[in-house]
C-alpha atoms as a PDB file:
ATOM      1  CA  MET A   1     -15.935 -37.771 -15.822  1.00  0.00           C
ATOM      2  CA  GLN A   2     -19.140 -36.585 -14.388  1.00  0.00           C
ATOM      3  CA  MET A   3     -17.882 -36.779 -10.850  1.00  0.00           C
ATOM      4  CA  MET A   4     -14.722 -34.937 -11.810  1.00  0.00           C
ATOM      5  CA  LEU A   5     -16.602 -32.151 -13.354  1.00  0.00           C
ATOM      6  CA  ILE A   6     -18.952 -31.841 -10.194  1.00  0.00           C
ATOM      7  CA  ILE A   7     -15.567 -31.848  -7.840  1.00  0.00           C
ATOM      8  CA  PHE A   8     -14.201 -29.115 -10.129  1.00  0.00           C
ATOM      9  CA  THR A   9     -17.027 -26.831 -10.112  1.00  0.00           C
ATOM     10  CA  ILE A  10     -17.571 -27.285  -6.405  1.00  0.00           C
ATOM     11  CA  ASN A  11     -14.016 -26.395  -5.569  1.00  0.00           C
ATOM     12  CA  ILE A  12     -14.160 -23.412  -8.036  1.00  0.00           C
ATOM     13  CA  VAL A  13     -17.266 -21.988  -6.104  1.00  0.00           C
ATOM     14  CA  TYR A  14     -15.828 -22.769  -2.706  1.00  0.00           C
ATOM     15  CA  VAL A  15     -12.664 -21.144  -3.140  1.00  0.00           C
ATOM     16  CA  THR A  16     -14.045 -18.090  -4.880  1.00  0.00           C
ATOM     17  CA  PHE A  17     -16.403 -17.743  -1.791  1.00  0.00           C
ATOM     18  CA  PHE A  18     -13.251 -18.350   0.602  1.00  0.00           C
ATOM     19  CA  THR A  19     -11.244 -15.632  -1.275  1.00  0.00           C
ATOM     20  CA  VAL A  20     -14.083 -13.072  -1.274  1.00  0.00           C
ATOM     21  CA  ARG A  21     -14.637 -13.853   2.571  1.00  0.00           C
ATOM     22  CA  MET A  22     -11.015 -13.157   3.384  1.00  0.00           C
ATOM     23  CA  ILE A  23     -11.004 -10.020   1.580  1.00  0.00           C
ATOM     24  CA  LEU A  24     -14.205  -8.968   3.085  1.00  0.00           C
ATOM     25  CA  THR A  25     -12.835  -9.753   6.524  1.00  0.00           C
ATOM     26  CA  MET A  26      -9.636  -7.764   5.886  1.00  0.00           C
ATOM     27  CA  LYS A  27     -11.617  -4.821   4.738  1.00  0.00           C
ATOM     28  CA  GLY A  28     -13.725  -4.814   7.895  1.00  0.00           C
ATOM     29  CA  TYR A  29     -17.020  -6.228   6.570  1.00  0.00           C
ATOM     30  CA  ARG A  30     -17.242  -8.828   9.310  1.00  0.00           C
ATOM     31  CA  TYR A  31     -20.935  -9.547   9.261  1.00  0.00           C
ATOM     32  CA  ILE A  32     -21.146 -10.070   5.421  1.00  0.00           C
ATOM     33  CA  ALA A  33     -17.938 -12.153   5.564  1.00  0.00           C
ATOM     34  CA  ALA A  34     -19.656 -14.265   8.306  1.00  0.00           C
ATOM     35  CA  ALA A  35     -22.669 -14.818   6.108  1.00  0.00           C
ATOM     36  CA  VAL A  36     -20.328 -15.714   3.133  1.00  0.00           C
ATOM     37  CA  SER A  37     -18.319 -18.198   5.563  1.00  0.00           C
ATOM     38  CA  MET A  38     -21.600 -20.096   6.199  1.00  0.00           C
ATOM     39  CA  VAL A  39     -22.178 -20.890   2.535  1.00  0.00           C
ATOM     40  CA  GLU A  40     -18.573 -21.335   1.982  1.00  0.00           C
ATOM     41  CA  VAL A  41     -18.359 -24.086   4.659  1.00  0.00           C
ATOM     42  CA  VAL A  42     -21.391 -26.021   3.316  1.00  0.00           C
ATOM     43  CA  ILE A  43     -19.849 -26.094  -0.119  1.00  0.00           C
ATOM     44  CA  TYR A  44     -16.476 -27.174   1.100  1.00  0.00           C
ATOM     45  CA  VAL A  45     -17.889 -29.976   3.097  1.00  0.00           C
ATOM     46  CA  VAL A  46     -19.834 -31.347   0.246  1.00  0.00           C
ATOM     47  CA  GLY A  47     -16.922 -31.027  -2.229  1.00  0.00           C
ATOM     48  CA  LEU A  48     -14.292 -32.622   0.217  1.00  0.00           C
ATOM     49  CA  GLY A  49     -16.782 -35.376   1.147  1.00  0.00           C
ATOM     50  CA  LEU A  50     -17.022 -36.350  -2.765  1.00  0.00           C
ATOM     51  CA  VAL A  51     -13.007 -36.299  -3.000  1.00  0.00           C
ATOM     52  CA  LEU A  52     -12.688 -38.438   0.009  1.00  0.00           C
ATOM     53  CA  ASP A  53     -15.249 -40.898  -1.162  1.00  0.00           C
ATOM     54  CA  ASN A  54     -13.468 -41.152  -4.518  1.00  0.00           C
ATOM     55  CA  LEU A  55      -9.720 -41.122  -3.338  1.00  0.00           C
ATOM     56  CA  ASN A  56      -9.096 -44.308  -5.421  1.00  0.00           C
ATOM     57  CA  GLN A  57      -9.659 -42.183  -8.539  1.00  0.00           C
ATOM     58  CA  ILE A  58      -6.662 -39.565  -9.053  1.00  0.00           C
ATOM     59  CA  HIS A  59      -8.312 -37.535 -11.685  1.00  0.00           C
ATOM     60  CA  ASN A  60     -10.872 -36.507  -8.803  1.00  0.00           C
ATOM     61  CA  LEU A  61      -7.970 -35.379  -6.713  1.00  0.00           C
ATOM     62  CA  VAL A  62      -6.487 -33.317  -9.949  1.00  0.00           C
ATOM     63  CA  ALA A  63      -9.906 -31.822 -10.427  1.00  0.00           C
ATOM     64  CA  TYR A  64     -10.049 -30.540  -6.915  1.00  0.00           C
ATOM     65  CA  ALA A  65      -6.726 -29.069  -6.969  1.00  0.00           C
ATOM     66  CA  VAL A  66      -7.291 -27.356 -10.407  1.00  0.00           C
ATOM     67  CA  GLY A  67     -10.811 -26.189  -9.220  1.00  0.00           C
ATOM     68  CA  TYR A  68      -8.859 -24.616  -6.118  1.00  0.00           C
ATOM     69  CA  GLY A  69      -6.382 -22.627  -8.180  1.00  0.00           C
ATOM     70  CA  CYS A  70      -9.231 -21.474 -10.629  1.00  0.00           C
ATOM     71  CA  GLY A  71     -11.234 -20.500  -7.590  1.00  0.00           C
ATOM     72  CA  VAL A  72      -8.316 -18.132  -6.332  1.00  0.00           C
ATOM     73  CA  ILE A  73      -8.149 -16.466  -9.765  1.00  0.00           C
ATOM     74  CA  ILE A  74     -12.012 -15.969  -9.966  1.00  0.00           C
ATOM     75  CA  GLY A  75     -12.185 -14.983  -6.347  1.00  0.00           C
ATOM     76  CA  THR A  76      -9.476 -12.134  -6.895  1.00  0.00           C
ATOM     77  CA  LYS A  77     -11.133 -10.948 -10.241  1.00  0.00           C
ATOM     78  CA  ILE A  78     -14.440 -10.608  -8.361  1.00  0.00           C
ATOM     79  CA  GLU A  79     -12.601  -8.583  -5.526  1.00  0.00           C
ATOM     80  CA  GLU A  80     -11.164  -6.316  -8.192  1.00  0.00           C
ATOM     81  CA  LYS A  81     -14.497  -5.641  -9.426  1.00  0.00           C
ATOM     82  CA  MET A  82     -16.039  -4.941  -5.858  1.00  0.00           C
ATOM     83  CA  ALA A  83     -13.192  -2.474  -5.337  1.00  0.00           C
ATOM     84  CA  LEU A  84     -13.841  -2.092  -1.664  1.00  0.00           C
ATOM     85  CA  GLY A  85     -11.849   0.363   0.525  1.00  0.00           C
ATOM     86  CA  TYR A  86      -9.785   3.520  -0.272  1.00  0.00           C
ATOM     87  CA  ILE A  87      -6.388   4.307  -1.600  1.00  0.00           C
ATOM     88  CA  THR A  88      -4.016   6.883  -0.803  1.00  0.00           C
ATOM     89  CA  VAL A  89      -1.963   8.020  -4.050  1.00  0.00           C
ATOM     90  CA  ASN A  90       1.241  10.156  -3.726  1.00  0.00           C
ATOM     91  CA  VAL A  91       2.087  12.072  -6.799  1.00  0.00           C
ATOM     92  CA  ILE A  92       5.324  13.952  -7.269  1.00  0.00           C
ATOM     93  CA  THR A  93       5.780  16.090 -10.212  1.00  0.00           C
ATOM     94  CA  ALA A  94       8.425  18.492 -11.602  1.00  0.00           C
ATOM     95  CA  GLU A  95       5.623  21.051 -12.816  1.00  0.00           C
ATOM     96  CA  GLU A  96       5.284  23.578  -9.733  1.00  0.00           C
ATOM     97  CA  ASN A  97       3.095  25.589 -11.455  1.00  0.00           C
ATOM     98  CA  LEU A  98       0.710  22.807 -12.573  1.00  0.00           C
ATOM     99  CA  LYS A  99      -2.786  23.148 -11.832  1.00  0.00           C
ATOM    100  CA  LEU A 100      -3.202  19.402 -11.032  1.00  0.00           C
ATOM    101  CA  PRO A 101      -4.299  19.742  -7.269  1.00  0.00           C
ATOM    102  CA  ALA A 102      -7.156  22.224  -8.409  1.00  0.00           C
ATOM    103  CA  ILE A 103      -8.203  20.035 -11.323  1.00  0.00           C
ATOM    104  CA  LEU A 104      -8.307  16.937  -9.013  1.00  0.00           C
ATOM    105  CA  ARG A 105     -10.257  18.750  -6.332  1.00  0.00           C
ATOM    106  CA  GLU A 106     -12.724  20.051  -8.948  1.00  0.00           C
ATOM    107  CA  LYS A 107     -13.218  16.326  -9.782  1.00  0.00           C
ATOM    108  CA  GLY A 108     -14.166  15.447  -6.081  1.00  0.00           C
ATOM    109  CA  TYR A 109     -10.722  14.037  -5.000  1.00  0.00           C
ATOM    110  CA  GLY A 110      -9.400  14.810  -1.579  1.00  0.00           C
ATOM    111  CA  VAL A 111      -6.005  16.419  -2.307  1.00  0.00           C
ATOM    112  CA  THR A 112      -3.307  17.843   0.084  1.00  0.00           C
ATOM    113  CA  ASP A 113      -0.459  19.358  -1.822  1.00  0.00           C
ATOM    114  CA  TRP A 114       3.069  20.739  -0.872  1.00  0.00           C
ATOM    115  CA  SER A 115       6.344  22.040  -2.251  1.00  0.00           C
ATOM    116  CA  ALA A 116       9.056  19.306  -2.186  1.00  0.00           C
ATOM    117  CA  ASN A 117      12.689  19.063  -3.074  1.00  0.00           C
ATOM    118  CA  GLY A 118      13.942  16.255  -5.430  1.00  0.00           C
ATOM    119  CA  LEU A 119      17.451  15.278  -6.648  1.00  0.00           C
ATOM    120  CA  ASP A 120      16.976  17.580  -9.822  1.00  0.00           C
ATOM    121  CA  GLY A 121      15.278  20.479  -7.891  1.00  0.00           C
ATOM    122  CA  ASP A 122      11.976  21.810  -6.842  1.00  0.00           C
ATOM    123  CA  ARG A 123       8.808  19.379  -7.130  1.00  0.00           C
ATOM    124  CA  SER A 124       5.183  19.621  -6.130  1.00  0.00           C
ATOM    125  CA  ALA A 125       3.801  16.713  -4.053  1.00  0.00           C
ATOM    126  CA  MET A 126       0.606  15.567  -3.551  1.00  0.00           C
ATOM    127  CA  GLN A 127      -1.353  13.106  -1.495  1.00  0.00           C
ATOM    128  CA  ILE A 128      -4.609  12.094  -2.782  1.00  0.00           C
ATOM    129  CA  LEU A 129      -7.418   9.941  -1.269  1.00  0.00           C
ATOM    130  CA  THR A 130      -9.891   8.080  -3.210  1.00  0.00           C
ATOM    131  CA  PRO A 131     -12.269   5.033  -3.260  1.00  0.00           C
ATOM    132  CA  ARG A 132     -10.629   2.152  -4.915  1.00  0.00           C
ATOM    133  CA  LYS A 133     -13.279   2.029  -7.677  1.00  0.00           C
ATOM    134  CA  TYR A 134     -12.042   5.517  -8.939  1.00  0.00           C
ATOM    135  CA  GLU A 135      -8.330   4.407  -8.850  1.00  0.00           C
ATOM    136  CA  LEU A 136      -7.647   3.862 -12.362  1.00  0.00           C
ATOM    137  CA  LYS A 137      -9.776   6.871 -13.421  1.00  0.00           C
ATOM    138  CA  LEU A 138      -7.467   8.933 -11.146  1.00  0.00           C
ATOM    139  CA  TYR A 139      -4.255   7.502 -12.743  1.00  0.00           C
ATOM    140  CA  THR A 140      -5.704   8.246 -16.214  1.00  0.00           C
ATOM    141  CA  LEU A 141      -6.450  11.910 -15.373  1.00  0.00           C
ATOM    142  CA  ILE A 142      -2.991  12.433 -13.686  1.00  0.00           C
ATOM    143  CA  LYS A 143      -1.096  10.922 -16.739  1.00  0.00           C
ATOM    144  CA  GLU A 144      -3.159  13.226 -19.207  1.00  0.00           C
ATOM    145  CA  ILE A 145      -2.309  16.279 -17.289  1.00  0.00           C
ATOM    146  CA  ASP A 146       1.470  15.265 -16.605  1.00  0.00           C
ATOM    147  CA  PRO A 147       2.599  12.061 -18.342  1.00  0.00           C
ATOM    148  CA  LYS A 148       5.987  12.207 -16.398  1.00  0.00           C
ATOM    149  CA  ALA A 149       4.407  12.351 -12.676  1.00  0.00           C
ATOM    150  CA  PHE A 150       5.705   9.747 -10.373  1.00  0.00           C
ATOM    151  CA  ILE A 151       2.843   7.931  -8.803  1.00  0.00           C
ATOM    152  CA  ILE A 152       2.730   5.571  -5.973  1.00  0.00           C
ATOM    153  CA  ALA A 153      -0.325   4.057  -4.137  1.00  0.00           C
ATOM    154  CA  TYR A 154      -1.179   2.077  -0.984  1.00  0.00           C
ATOM    155  CA  GLU A 155      -4.305   1.106   0.788  1.00  0.00           C
ATOM    156  CA  ALA A 156      -5.569   3.557   3.407  1.00  0.00           C
ATOM    157  CA  LYS A 157      -6.615   1.480   6.299  1.00  0.00           C
ATOM    158  CA  THR A 158      -8.061   4.142   8.633  1.00  0.00           C
ATOM    159  CA  ILE A 159      -9.462   7.429   7.842  1.00  0.00           C
ATOM    160  CA  HIS A 160     -10.703   9.931  10.420  1.00  0.00           C
ATOM    161  CA  GLY A 161     -11.431  13.726  10.061  1.00  0.00           C
ATOM    162  CA  GLY A 162     -11.298  16.173   7.190  1.00  0.00           C
ATOM    163  CA  PHE A 163     -13.968  17.601   4.783  1.00  0.00           C
ATOM    164  CA  TRP A 164     -13.482  14.618   2.446  1.00  0.00           C
ATOM    165  CA  VAL A 165     -14.644  11.864   4.962  1.00  0.00           C
ATOM    166  CA  LYS A 166     -17.841  14.097   5.718  1.00  0.00           C
ATOM    167  CA  SER A 167     -18.492  14.225   1.983  1.00  0.00           C
ATOM    168  CA  VAL A 168     -18.073  10.486   1.710  1.00  0.00           C
ATOM    169  CA  ARG A 169     -20.415   9.745   4.374  1.00  0.00           C
ATOM    170  CA  LYS A 170     -23.163  12.152   2.784  1.00  0.00           C
ATOM    171  CA  GLY A 171     -22.470  10.417  -0.708  1.00  0.00           C
ATOM    172  CA  LYS A 172     -21.627  13.722  -2.387  1.00  0.00           C
ATOM    173  CA  LEU A 173     -18.501  12.679  -4.061  1.00  0.00           C
ATOM    174  CA  PHE A 174     -18.043  12.030  -7.767  1.00  0.00           C
ATOM    175  CA  LYS A 175     -21.518  12.782  -8.719  1.00  0.00           C
END
């Protein structure tokens, strides 16, 4: 029973590190990801060694597999809390005279807006850039102002130019 618990715990820690490392790599934090991978591989070798030394006991293999699944869940939860990177949010609203772009700019969001045409007539469209850690706050603000707004978001991979990028570098946003 003790060996099973050790294997389970080691695999949770290993896969959590693995998941976080993969996300750091995809977000461009390669040096931090490399440091995390060094710890990850030591944990992996120890855990796998324990399982291989005790293959005759199926419950150890089950503990390894369950620990792996739990590690994925914990790793993704940690990444959600870290909220690395930026998102671009497109908003379409039927309220043409709505002051939503101005309100969002006042709050520090980078907003580009334009007139658009939809199936049912004229619309106002906006593209908003924000750090992921402010994503839910942005959605709440938009829905408070226009509960019927159409919102779609995607990850911004590369950002270059514009006033907003300079403000991010100077740390002047959302203060």
